[in-house]
Protein backbone atom coordinates (compact mmCIF):
# COMPACT_ATOMS: atom_id res chain seq x y z
CA MET A 1 3.02 -37.79 9.82
CA LYS A 2 1.48 -38.56 6.46
CA LEU A 3 3.44 -38.11 3.26
CA SER A 4 1.17 -35.23 2.15
CA THR A 5 1.93 -33.31 5.37
CA ILE A 6 5.66 -33.80 4.89
CA THR A 7 5.39 -32.64 1.29
CA LEU A 8 3.53 -29.48 2.33
CA LEU A 9 6.11 -28.70 5.00
CA ALA A 10 8.92 -29.06 2.49
CA LEU A 11 7.43 -26.57 0.03
CA PRO A 12 8.99 -23.12 0.11
CA THR A 13 6.85 -20.34 1.50
CA LEU A 14 5.51 -18.13 -1.26
CA SER A 15 5.79 -14.43 -0.52
CA LEU A 16 4.29 -11.45 -2.24
CA ALA A 17 6.60 -9.52 -4.49
CA TRP A 18 5.18 -6.21 -3.25
CA ASP A 19 2.72 -4.83 -0.74
CA LEU A 20 1.25 -1.34 -0.20
CA ARG A 21 -0.68 -0.64 3.01
CA THR A 22 -2.34 2.53 4.21
CA ASP A 23 -4.69 3.11 7.12
CA SER A 24 -7.67 2.45 4.83
CA ALA A 25 -6.44 0.25 1.96
CA SER A 26 -4.19 -2.66 1.11
CA PHE A 27 -2.80 -3.72 -2.28
CA SER A 28 -0.36 -6.48 -3.16
CA GLY A 29 0.96 -8.35 -6.17
CA ARG A 30 3.76 -10.31 -7.73
CA ASN A 31 4.19 -8.30 -10.95
CA SER A 32 3.85 -4.80 -12.32
CA SER A 33 0.51 -3.11 -11.75
CA PRO A 34 -1.13 -0.57 -14.04
CA CYS A 35 -2.49 2.68 -12.68
CA ARG A 36 -4.84 2.13 -9.73
CA THR A 37 -6.76 4.71 -7.74
CA ILE A 38 -6.32 5.23 -4.03
CA LYS A 39 -7.17 8.09 -1.69
CA HIS A 40 -4.41 8.93 0.77
CA GLN A 41 -3.93 12.26 2.52
CA ARG A 42 -0.69 14.18 3.02
CA GLY A 43 0.82 13.24 6.37
CA GLY A 44 -0.97 9.88 6.41
CA TYR A 45 1.12 6.85 7.27
CA PHE A 46 1.78 4.19 4.62
CA VAL A 47 4.06 1.18 4.15
CA TRP A 48 5.64 0.00 0.89
CA LYS A 49 7.31 -3.41 1.02
CA ASP A 50 9.13 -5.04 -1.88
CA ASP A 51 10.21 -8.57 -0.99
CA ASN A 52 12.58 -8.70 -3.97
CA SER A 53 14.17 -5.28 -3.54
CA ARG A 54 17.91 -4.95 -4.08
CA GLY A 55 17.84 -2.26 -1.44
CA ASP A 56 19.76 0.26 -3.55
CA GLY A 57 16.75 2.23 -4.76
CA ARG A 58 17.26 1.37 -8.43
CA GLY A 59 14.91 -1.59 -8.90
CA GLY A 60 15.89 -4.27 -11.39
CA PRO A 61 17.39 -7.70 -10.66
CA ASP A 62 19.27 -8.27 -7.42
CA ARG A 63 22.41 -10.39 -7.13
CA ASP A 64 20.31 -13.56 -7.16
CA GLY A 65 18.48 -12.53 -10.34
CA ARG A 66 15.24 -11.61 -8.56
CA ARG A 67 13.61 -8.53 -9.93
CA GLY A 68 12.68 -5.73 -7.57
CA CYS A 69 9.63 -3.50 -7.88
CA CYS A 70 9.21 0.26 -7.59
CA ILE A 71 6.04 2.14 -6.68
CA PHE A 72 5.11 5.48 -8.21
CA LEU A 73 2.63 7.61 -6.24
CA TYR A 74 0.66 10.34 -8.07
CA ASP A 75 -1.33 13.38 -6.99
CA ASP A 76 -4.06 12.74 -9.57
CA ARG A 77 -6.32 9.79 -10.44
CA THR A 78 -4.67 9.00 -13.80
CA CYS A 79 -1.00 8.46 -12.87
CA GLY A 80 -0.05 11.56 -14.82
CA GLY A 81 0.57 14.22 -12.18
CA ARG A 82 3.27 14.78 -9.60
CA ALA A 83 5.00 11.53 -8.72
CA ASP A 84 7.02 10.12 -5.84
CA LYS A 85 9.02 6.91 -6.34
CA HIS A 86 10.03 4.25 -3.83
CA CYS A 87 12.10 1.21 -4.80
CA ARG A 88 13.28 0.32 -1.32
CA ASP A 89 11.05 -0.71 1.54
CA PHE A 90 9.50 2.42 3.04
CA ALA A 91 7.36 3.21 6.06
CA GLY A 92 6.43 6.80 6.79
CA ASN A 93 4.13 9.71 6.17
CA ALA A 94 3.05 10.92 2.73
CA ASP A 95 4.62 14.19 1.55
CA PHE A 96 1.50 15.00 -0.50
CA ASN A 97 -2.01 13.70 -1.17
CA PHE A 98 -1.78 10.76 -3.53
CA ASP A 99 -4.77 9.58 -5.54
CA SER A 100 -3.25 6.89 -7.74
CA PHE A 101 -0.25 4.60 -8.00
CA ARG A 102 1.41 2.12 -10.31
CA VAL A 103 4.07 -0.50 -9.76
CA GLU A 104 6.96 -1.41 -12.10
CA CYS A 105 8.76 -4.70 -11.64
């Protein structure tokens, strides 16, 4: 094995801080995200994954000092309407149509 191969194997795997997936869209990032539009129907399946989540639903730093992220889902295109918040990992069906989201880390 060459030294460069050994070096690459020793590097830690970088993971995304957060990931949102629906049946028709995928978004991910490492930091907060401003308002973004998305079209997702009530009852449609989606997955929210926060790799740095504390798991207590409050966001903020975990015991190791990593900061968790929360997603806010809105029923309008400007992140100003009805909102639903998820700070823990979530996989399930949408309670309402959501047309925009933002992420706070």
